[in-house]
Amino acid sequence: VISTGLIYKFVIQGNVTESTDGRTAILLEKDE
């Protein structure tokens, strides 16, 4: 279960949220 969750988060979903303009916002550090 933990492995499946990690795979989903780091391979499929990523670090995202909904942006104010309706696009998917990918949240990154400045250098990234």
PDB file of all heavy atoms in Angstrom:
ATOM      1  N   VAL A   1       0.843  -1.209   0.000  1.00  0.00           N
ATOM      2  CA  VAL A   1       0.000   0.000   0.000  1.00  0.00           C
ATOM      3  C   VAL A   1       0.874   1.253   0.000  1.00  0.00           C
ATOM      4  O   VAL A   1       0.627   2.198  -0.763  1.00  0.00           O
ATOM      5  CB  VAL A   1      -0.972  -0.012   1.199  1.00  0.00           C
ATOM      6  CG1 VAL A   1      -1.649   1.336   1.385  1.00  0.00           C
ATOM      7  CG2 VAL A   1      -2.007  -1.118   1.033  1.00  0.00           C
ATOM      8  N   ILE A   2       1.894   1.269   0.822  1.00  0.00           N
ATOM      9  CA  ILE A   2       2.803   2.430   0.873  1.00  0.00           C
ATOM     10  C   ILE A   2       3.509   2.604  -0.465  1.00  0.00           C
ATOM     11  O   ILE A   2       3.594   3.721  -0.995  1.00  0.00           O
ATOM     12  CB  ILE A   2       3.825   2.271   2.026  1.00  0.00           C
ATOM     13  CG1 ILE A   2       3.112   2.410   3.376  1.00  0.00           C
ATOM     14  CG2 ILE A   2       4.946   3.307   1.904  1.00  0.00           C
ATOM     15  CD1 ILE A   2       3.979   2.057   4.569  1.00  0.00           C
ATOM     16  N   SER A   3       3.994   1.514  -1.040  1.00  0.00           N
ATOM     17  CA  SER A   3       4.675   1.589  -2.342  1.00  0.00           C
ATOM     18  C   SER A   3       3.738   2.120  -3.420  1.00  0.00           C
ATOM     19  O   SER A   3       4.128   2.961  -4.238  1.00  0.00           O
ATOM     20  CB  SER A   3       5.206   0.218  -2.750  1.00  0.00           C
ATOM     21  OG  SER A   3       6.184  -0.219  -1.849  1.00  0.00           O
ATOM     22  N   THR A   4       2.504   1.635  -3.422  1.00  0.00           N
ATOM     23  CA  THR A   4       1.525   2.097  -4.407  1.00  0.00           C
ATOM     24  C   THR A   4       1.269   3.586  -4.246  1.00  0.00           C
ATOM     25  O   THR A   4       1.211   4.325  -5.232  1.00  0.00           O
ATOM     26  CB  THR A   4       0.210   1.298  -4.269  1.00  0.00           C
ATOM     27  OG1 THR A   4       0.491  -0.086  -4.465  1.00  0.00           O
ATOM     28  CG2 THR A   4      -0.831   1.767  -5.272  1.00  0.00           C
ATOM     29  N   GLY A   5       1.149   4.042  -3.013  1.00  0.00           N
ATOM     30  CA  GLY A   5       0.940   5.468  -2.754  1.00  0.00           C
ATOM     31  C   GLY A   5       2.112   6.315  -3.215  1.00  0.00           C
ATOM     32  O   GLY A   5       1.936   7.373  -3.822  1.00  0.00           O
ATOM     33  N   LEU A   6       3.314   5.841  -2.940  1.00  0.00           N
ATOM     34  CA  LEU A   6       4.504   6.579  -3.370  1.00  0.00           C
ATOM     35  C   LEU A   6       4.626   6.607  -4.890  1.00  0.00           C
ATOM     36  O   LEU A   6       4.979   7.635  -5.476  1.00  0.00           O
ATOM     37  CB  LEU A   6       5.759   5.979  -2.741  1.00  0.00           C
ATOM     38  CG  LEU A   6       5.919   6.197  -1.237  1.00  0.00           C
ATOM     39  CD1 LEU A   6       7.099   5.384  -0.698  1.00  0.00           C
ATOM     40  CD2 LEU A   6       6.062   7.665  -0.899  1.00  0.00           C
ATOM     41  N   ILE A   7       4.331   5.491  -5.530  1.00  0.00           N
ATOM     42  CA  ILE A   7       4.377   5.446  -6.995  1.00  0.00           C
ATOM     43  C   ILE A   7       3.365   6.426  -7.570  1.00  0.00           C
ATOM     44  O   ILE A   7       3.663   7.182  -8.491  1.00  0.00           O
ATOM     45  CB  ILE A   7       4.146   4.011  -7.517  1.00  0.00           C
ATOM     46  CG1 ILE A   7       5.374   3.155  -7.219  1.00  0.00           C
ATOM     47  CG2 ILE A   7       3.823   4.005  -9.008  1.00  0.00           C
ATOM     48  CD1 ILE A   7       5.180   1.667  -7.456  1.00  0.00           C
ATOM     49  N   TYR A   8       2.151   6.418  -7.010  1.00  0.00           N
ATOM     50  CA  TYR A   8       1.128   7.347  -7.501  1.00  0.00           C
ATOM     51  C   TYR A   8       1.591   8.793  -7.334  1.00  0.00           C
ATOM     52  O   TYR A   8       1.514   9.596  -8.262  1.00  0.00           O
ATOM     53  CB  TYR A   8      -0.205   7.137  -6.771  1.00  0.00           C
ATOM     54  CG  TYR A   8      -1.238   8.141  -7.187  1.00  0.00           C
ATOM     55  CD1 TYR A   8      -1.885   8.014  -8.405  1.00  0.00           C
ATOM     56  CD2 TYR A   8      -1.535   9.239  -6.392  1.00  0.00           C
ATOM     57  CE1 TYR A   8      -2.819   8.948  -8.828  1.00  0.00           C
ATOM     58  CE2 TYR A   8      -2.459  10.182  -6.799  1.00  0.00           C
ATOM     59  CZ  TYR A   8      -3.100  10.032  -8.007  1.00  0.00           C
ATOM     60  OH  TYR A   8      -4.006  10.971  -8.429  1.00  0.00           O
ATOM     61  N   LYS A   9       2.107   9.119  -6.145  1.00  0.00           N
ATOM     62  CA  LYS A   9       2.499  10.510  -5.858  1.00  0.00           C
ATOM     63  C   LYS A   9       3.684  10.959  -6.703  1.00  0.00           C
ATOM     64  O   LYS A   9       3.685  12.061  -7.253  1.00  0.00           O
ATOM     65  CB  LYS A   9       2.823  10.647  -4.369  1.00  0.00           C
ATOM     66  CG  LYS A   9       3.350  11.999  -3.961  1.00  0.00           C
ATOM     67  CD  LYS A   9       2.328  13.090  -4.106  1.00  0.00           C
ATOM     68  CE  LYS A   9       2.908  14.423  -3.649  1.00  0.00           C
ATOM     69  NZ  LYS A   9       2.168  15.536  -4.154  1.00  0.00           N
ATOM     70  N   PHE A  10       4.713  10.125  -6.822  1.00  0.00           N
ATOM     71  CA  PHE A  10       5.952  10.566  -7.452  1.00  0.00           C
ATOM     72  C   PHE A  10       6.117  10.162  -8.911  1.00  0.00           C
ATOM     73  O   PHE A  10       7.021  10.651  -9.570  1.00  0.00           O
ATOM     74  CB  PHE A  10       7.158  10.113  -6.632  1.00  0.00           C
ATOM     75  CG  PHE A  10       7.214  10.776  -5.288  1.00  0.00           C
ATOM     76  CD1 PHE A  10       6.916  10.068  -4.143  1.00  0.00           C
ATOM     77  CD2 PHE A  10       7.529  12.113  -5.178  1.00  0.00           C
ATOM     78  CE1 PHE A  10       6.947  10.689  -2.898  1.00  0.00           C
ATOM     79  CE2 PHE A  10       7.559  12.739  -3.944  1.00  0.00           C
ATOM     80  CZ  PHE A  10       7.267  12.019  -2.802  1.00  0.00           C
ATOM     81  N   VAL A  11       5.266   9.291  -9.416  1.00  0.00           N
ATOM     82  CA  VAL A  11       5.362   8.917 -10.822  1.00  0.00           C
ATOM     83  C   VAL A  11       4.173   9.461 -11.600  1.00  0.00           C
ATOM     84  O   VAL A  11       4.317   9.967 -12.704  1.00  0.00           O
ATOM     85  CB  VAL A  11       5.458   7.376 -10.992  1.00  0.00           C
ATOM     86  CG1 VAL A  11       5.410   6.984 -12.450  1.00  0.00           C
ATOM     87  CG2 VAL A  11       6.719   6.846 -10.326  1.00  0.00           C
ATOM     88  N   ILE A  12       2.991   9.395 -11.019  1.00  0.00           N
ATOM     89  CA  ILE A  12       1.782   9.755 -11.754  1.00  0.00           C
ATOM     90  C   ILE A  12       1.315  11.177 -11.443  1.00  0.00           C
ATOM     91  O   ILE A  12       1.199  12.008 -12.330  1.00  0.00           O
ATOM     92  CB  ILE A  12       0.658   8.726 -11.477  1.00  0.00           C
ATOM     93  CG1 ILE A  12       1.106   7.351 -11.970  1.00  0.00           C
ATOM     94  CG2 ILE A  12      -0.653   9.160 -12.119  1.00  0.00           C
ATOM     95  CD1 ILE A  12       0.220   6.214 -11.573  1.00  0.00           C
ATOM     96  N   GLN A  13       1.042  11.482 -10.175  1.00  0.00           N
ATOM     97  CA  GLN A  13       0.435  12.765  -9.817  1.00  0.00           C
ATOM     98  C   GLN A  13       1.417  13.927  -9.856  1.00  0.00           C
ATOM     99  O   GLN A  13       1.126  14.969 -10.419  1.00  0.00           O
ATOM    100  CB  GLN A  13      -0.195  12.692  -8.429  1.00  0.00           C
ATOM    101  CG  GLN A  13      -0.828  14.002  -8.009  1.00  0.00           C
ATOM    102  CD  GLN A  13      -1.322  13.985  -6.576  1.00  0.00           C
ATOM    103  OE1 GLN A  13      -0.981  13.109  -5.805  1.00  0.00           O
ATOM    104  NE2 GLN A  13      -2.120  14.958  -6.235  1.00  0.00           N
ATOM    105  N   GLY A  14       2.564  13.772  -9.258  1.00  0.00           N
ATOM    106  CA  GLY A  14       3.508  14.874  -9.150  1.00  0.00           C
ATOM    107  C   GLY A  14       3.097  15.847  -8.059  1.00  0.00           C
ATOM    108  O   GLY A  14       2.165  15.596  -7.296  1.00  0.00           O
ATOM    109  N   ASN A  15       3.788  16.957  -7.996  1.00  0.00           N
ATOM    110  CA  ASN A  15       3.526  17.980  -6.982  1.00  0.00           C
ATOM    111  C   ASN A  15       2.729  19.096  -7.647  1.00  0.00           C
ATOM    112  O   ASN A  15       3.298  20.062  -8.155  1.00  0.00           O
ATOM    113  CB  ASN A  15       4.850  18.498  -6.415  1.00  0.00           C
ATOM    114  CG  ASN A  15       4.655  19.385  -5.205  1.00  0.00           C
ATOM    115  OD1 ASN A  15       3.605  19.380  -4.579  1.00  0.00           O
ATOM    116  ND2 ASN A  15       5.684  20.139  -4.869  1.00  0.00           N
ATOM    117  N   VAL A  16       1.419  18.919  -7.693  1.00  0.00           N
ATOM    118  CA  VAL A  16       0.565  19.829  -8.453  1.00  0.00           C
ATOM    119  C   VAL A  16      -0.588  20.357  -7.614  1.00  0.00           C
ATOM    120  O   VAL A  16      -0.948  19.779  -6.593  1.00  0.00           O
ATOM    121  CB  VAL A  16      -0.007  19.139  -9.717  1.00  0.00           C
ATOM    122  CG1 VAL A  16       1.113  18.689 -10.646  1.00  0.00           C
ATOM    123  CG2 VAL A  16      -0.899  17.981  -9.356  1.00  0.00           C
ATOM    124  N   THR A  17      -1.158  21.442  -8.108  1.00  0.00           N
ATOM    125  CA  THR A  17      -2.367  22.015  -7.547  1.00  0.00           C
ATOM    126  C   THR A  17      -3.085  22.741  -8.671  1.00  0.00           C
ATOM    127  O   THR A  17      -2.518  22.957  -9.746  1.00  0.00           O
ATOM    128  CB  THR A  17      -2.042  22.964  -6.366  1.00  0.00           C
ATOM    129  OG1 THR A  17      -3.250  23.335  -5.716  1.00  0.00           O
ATOM    130  CG2 THR A  17      -1.304  24.219  -6.836  1.00  0.00           C
ATOM    131  N   GLU A  18      -4.314  23.135  -8.425  1.00  0.00           N
ATOM    132  CA  GLU A  18      -5.061  23.917  -9.418  1.00  0.00           C
ATOM    133  C   GLU A  18      -4.567  25.365  -9.342  1.00  0.00           C
ATOM    134  O   GLU A  18      -4.402  25.918  -8.264  1.00  0.00           O
ATOM    135  CB  GLU A  18      -6.559  23.850  -9.101  1.00  0.00           C
ATOM    136  CG  GLU A  18      -7.442  24.491 -10.136  1.00  0.00           C
ATOM    137  CD  GLU A  18      -7.543  23.698 -11.436  1.00  0.00           C
ATOM    138  OE1 GLU A  18      -7.222  22.501 -11.456  1.00  0.00           O
ATOM    139  OE2 GLU A  18      -7.939  24.304 -12.440  1.00  0.00           O
ATOM    140  N   SER A  19      -4.312  25.978 -10.489  1.00  0.00           N
ATOM    141  CA  SER A  19      -3.859  27.373 -10.490  1.00  0.00           C
ATOM    142  C   SER A  19      -5.066  28.301 -10.623  1.00  0.00           C
ATOM    143  O   SER A  19      -6.174  27.871 -10.921  1.00  0.00           O
ATOM    144  CB  SER A  19      -2.860  27.626 -11.622  1.00  0.00           C
ATOM    145  OG  SER A  19      -3.521  27.606 -12.862  1.00  0.00           O
ATOM    146  N   THR A  20      -4.821  29.565 -10.441  1.00  0.00           N
ATOM    147  CA  THR A  20      -5.899  30.554 -10.504  1.00  0.00           C
ATOM    148  C   THR A  20      -6.460  30.726 -11.907  1.00  0.00           C
ATOM    149  O   THR A  20      -7.566  31.225 -12.062  1.00  0.00           O
ATOM    150  CB  THR A  20      -5.400  31.923  -9.994  1.00  0.00           C
ATOM    151  OG1 THR A  20      -4.261  32.318 -10.778  1.00  0.00           O
ATOM    152  CG2 THR A  20      -5.014  31.852  -8.527  1.00  0.00           C
ATOM    153  N   ASP A  21      -5.715  30.306 -12.929  1.00  0.00           N
ATOM    154  CA  ASP A  21      -6.199  30.468 -14.307  1.00  0.00           C
ATOM    155  C   ASP A  21      -6.757  29.169 -14.895  1.00  0.00           C
ATOM    156  O   ASP A  21      -6.991  29.072 -16.090  1.00  0.00           O
ATOM    157  CB  ASP A  21      -5.104  31.038 -15.209  1.00  0.00           C
ATOM    158  CG  ASP A  21      -3.888  30.127 -15.356  1.00  0.00           C
ATOM    159  OD1 ASP A  21      -3.910  29.002 -14.819  1.00  0.00           O
ATOM    160  OD2 ASP A  21      -2.922  30.538 -16.013  1.00  0.00           O
ATOM    161  N   GLY A  22      -6.962  28.154 -14.049  1.00  0.00           N
ATOM    162  CA  GLY A  22      -7.566  26.908 -14.501  1.00  0.00           C
ATOM    163  C   GLY A  22      -6.580  25.863 -14.994  1.00  0.00           C
ATOM    164  O   GLY A  22      -6.964  24.729 -15.250  1.00  0.00           O
ATOM    165  N   ARG A  23      -5.322  26.240 -15.155  1.00  0.00           N
ATOM    166  CA  ARG A  23      -4.318  25.258 -15.565  1.00  0.00           C
ATOM    167  C   ARG A  23      -3.837  24.500 -14.332  1.00  0.00           C
ATOM    168  O   ARG A  23      -4.108  24.887 -13.199  1.00  0.00           O
ATOM    169  CB  ARG A  23      -3.128  25.940 -16.236  1.00  0.00           C
ATOM    170  CG  ARG A  23      -3.484  26.586 -17.563  1.00  0.00           C
ATOM    171  CD  ARG A  23      -2.288  27.171 -18.244  1.00  0.00           C
ATOM    172  NE  ARG A  23      -1.850  28.393 -17.562  1.00  0.00           N
ATOM    173  CZ  ARG A  23      -0.702  29.023 -17.813  1.00  0.00           C
ATOM    174  NH1 ARG A  23       0.125  28.545 -18.720  1.00  0.00           N
ATOM    175  NH2 ARG A  23      -0.386  30.112 -17.163  1.00  0.00           N
ATOM    176  N   THR A  24      -3.106  23.437 -14.560  1.00  0.00           N
ATOM    177  CA  THR A  24      -2.480  22.700 -13.469  1.00  0.00           C
ATOM    178  C   THR A  24      -1.181  23.400 -13.124  1.00  0.00           C
ATOM    179  O   THR A  24      -0.338  23.620 -13.997  1.00  0.00           O
ATOM    180  CB  THR A  24      -2.192  21.240 -13.881  1.00  0.00           C
ATOM    181  OG1 THR A  24      -3.435  20.612 -14.191  1.00  0.00           O
ATOM    182  CG2 THR A  24      -1.485  20.483 -12.780  1.00  0.00           C
ATOM    183  N   ALA A  25      -1.043  23.769 -11.869  1.00  0.00           N
ATOM    184  CA  ALA A  25       0.193  24.398 -11.405  1.00  0.00           C
ATOM    185  C   ALA A  25       1.122  23.299 -10.900  1.00  0.00           C
ATOM    186  O   ALA A  25       0.738  22.494 -10.047  1.00  0.00           O
ATOM    187  CB  ALA A  25      -0.096  25.395 -10.294  1.00  0.00           C
ATOM    188  N   ILE A  26       2.311  23.254 -11.461  1.00  0.00           N
ATOM    189  CA  ILE A  26       3.337  22.329 -11.005  1.00  0.00           C
ATOM    190  C   ILE A  26       4.208  23.121 -10.036  1.00  0.00           C
ATOM    191  O   ILE A  26       4.776  24.156 -10.397  1.00  0.00           O
ATOM    192  CB  ILE A  26       4.159  21.779 -12.180  1.00  0.00           C
ATOM    193  CG1 ILE A  26       3.248  21.059 -13.175  1.00  0.00           C
ATOM    194  CG2 ILE A  26       5.256  20.842 -11.666  1.00  0.00           C
ATOM    195  CD1 ILE A  26       3.940  20.615 -14.458  1.00  0.00           C
ATOM    196  N   LEU A  27       4.285  22.635  -8.803  1.00  0.00           N
ATOM    197  CA  LEU A  27       4.990  23.351  -7.743  1.00  0.00           C
ATOM    198  C   LEU A  27       6.439  22.890  -7.682  1.00  0.00           C
ATOM    199  O   LEU A  27       6.715  21.707  -7.455  1.00  0.00           O
ATOM    200  CB  LEU A  27       4.293  23.122  -6.402  1.00  0.00           C
ATOM    201  CG  LEU A  27       2.801  23.459  -6.380  1.00  0.00           C
ATOM    202  CD1 LEU A  27       2.177  23.055  -5.060  1.00  0.00           C
ATOM    203  CD2 LEU A  27       2.584  24.929  -6.673  1.00  0.00           C
ATOM    204  N   LEU A  28       7.345  23.830  -7.904  1.00  0.00           N
ATOM    205  CA  LEU A  28       8.769  23.519  -7.960  1.00  0.00           C
ATOM    206  C   LEU A  28       9.567  24.496  -7.118  1.00  0.00           C
ATOM    207  O   LEU A  28       9.114  25.603  -6.827  1.00  0.00           O
ATOM    208  CB  LEU A  28       9.270  23.615  -9.412  1.00  0.00           C
ATOM    209  CG  LEU A  28       8.587  22.739 -10.453  1.00  0.00           C
ATOM    210  CD1 LEU A  28       9.115  23.076 -11.835  1.00  0.00           C
ATOM    211  CD2 LEU A  28       8.772  21.277 -10.140  1.00  0.00           C
ATOM    212  N   GLU A  29      10.774  24.085  -6.782  1.00  0.00           N
ATOM    213  CA  GLU A  29      11.727  25.008  -6.169  1.00  0.00           C
ATOM    214  C   GLU A  29      12.275  25.908  -7.277  1.00  0.00           C
ATOM    215  O   GLU A  29      12.193  25.575  -8.453  1.00  0.00           O
ATOM    216  CB  GLU A  29      12.859  24.237  -5.498  1.00  0.00           C
ATOM    217  CG  GLU A  29      12.393  23.424  -4.308  1.00  0.00           C
ATOM    218  CD  GLU A  29      13.515  22.608  -3.683  1.00  0.00           C
ATOM    219  OE1 GLU A  29      14.708  22.937  -3.909  1.00  0.00           O
ATOM    220  OE2 GLU A  29      13.196  21.637  -2.979  1.00  0.00           O
ATOM    221  N   LYS A  30      12.862  27.030  -6.893  1.00  0.00           N
ATOM    222  CA  LYS A  30      13.334  28.009  -7.867  1.00  0.00           C
ATOM    223  C   LYS A  30      14.294  27.396  -8.888  1.00  0.00           C
ATOM    224  O   LYS A  30      14.143  27.597 -10.097  1.00  0.00           O
ATOM    225  CB  LYS A  30      14.009  29.184  -7.155  1.00  0.00           C
ATOM    226  CG  LYS A  30      14.467  30.284  -8.100  1.00  0.00           C
ATOM    227  CD  LYS A  30      15.233  31.366  -7.341  1.00  0.00           C
ATOM    228  CE  LYS A  30      15.751  32.442  -8.247  1.00  0.00           C
ATOM    229  NZ  LYS A  30      16.577  31.979  -9.365  1.00  0.00           N
ATOM    230  N   ASP A  31      15.285  26.640  -8.440  1.00  0.00           N
ATOM    231  CA  ASP A  31      16.265  26.040  -9.356  1.00  0.00           C
ATOM    232  C   ASP A  31      15.618  25.042 -10.306  1.00  0.00           C
ATOM    233  O   ASP A  31      16.000  24.944 -11.475  1.00  0.00           O
ATOM    234  CB  ASP A  31      17.394  25.368  -8.582  1.00  0.00           C
ATOM    235  CG  ASP A  31      18.301  26.369  -7.871  1.00  0.00           C
ATOM    236  OD1 ASP A  31      18.232  27.578  -8.192  1.00  0.00           O
ATOM    237  OD2 ASP A  31      19.065  25.949  -6.986  1.00  0.00           O
ATOM    238  N   GLU A  32      14.629  24.288  -9.801  1.00  0.00           N
ATOM    239  CA  GLU A  32      13.934  23.327 -10.651  1.00  0.00           C
ATOM    240  C   GLU A  32      13.121  24.054 -11.722  1.00  0.00           C
ATOM    241  O   GLU A  32      13.132  23.676 -12.893  1.00  0.00           O
ATOM    242  CB  GLU A  32      12.994  22.459  -9.800  1.00  0.00           C
ATOM    243  CG  GLU A  32      13.721  21.573  -8.820  1.00  0.00           C
ATOM    244  CD  GLU A  32      12.813  20.946  -7.791  1.00  0.00           C
ATOM    245  OE1 GLU A  32      11.742  21.527  -7.475  1.00  0.00           O
ATOM    246  OE2 GLU A  32      13.178  19.872  -7.282  1.00  0.00           O
TER     247      GLU A  32
END
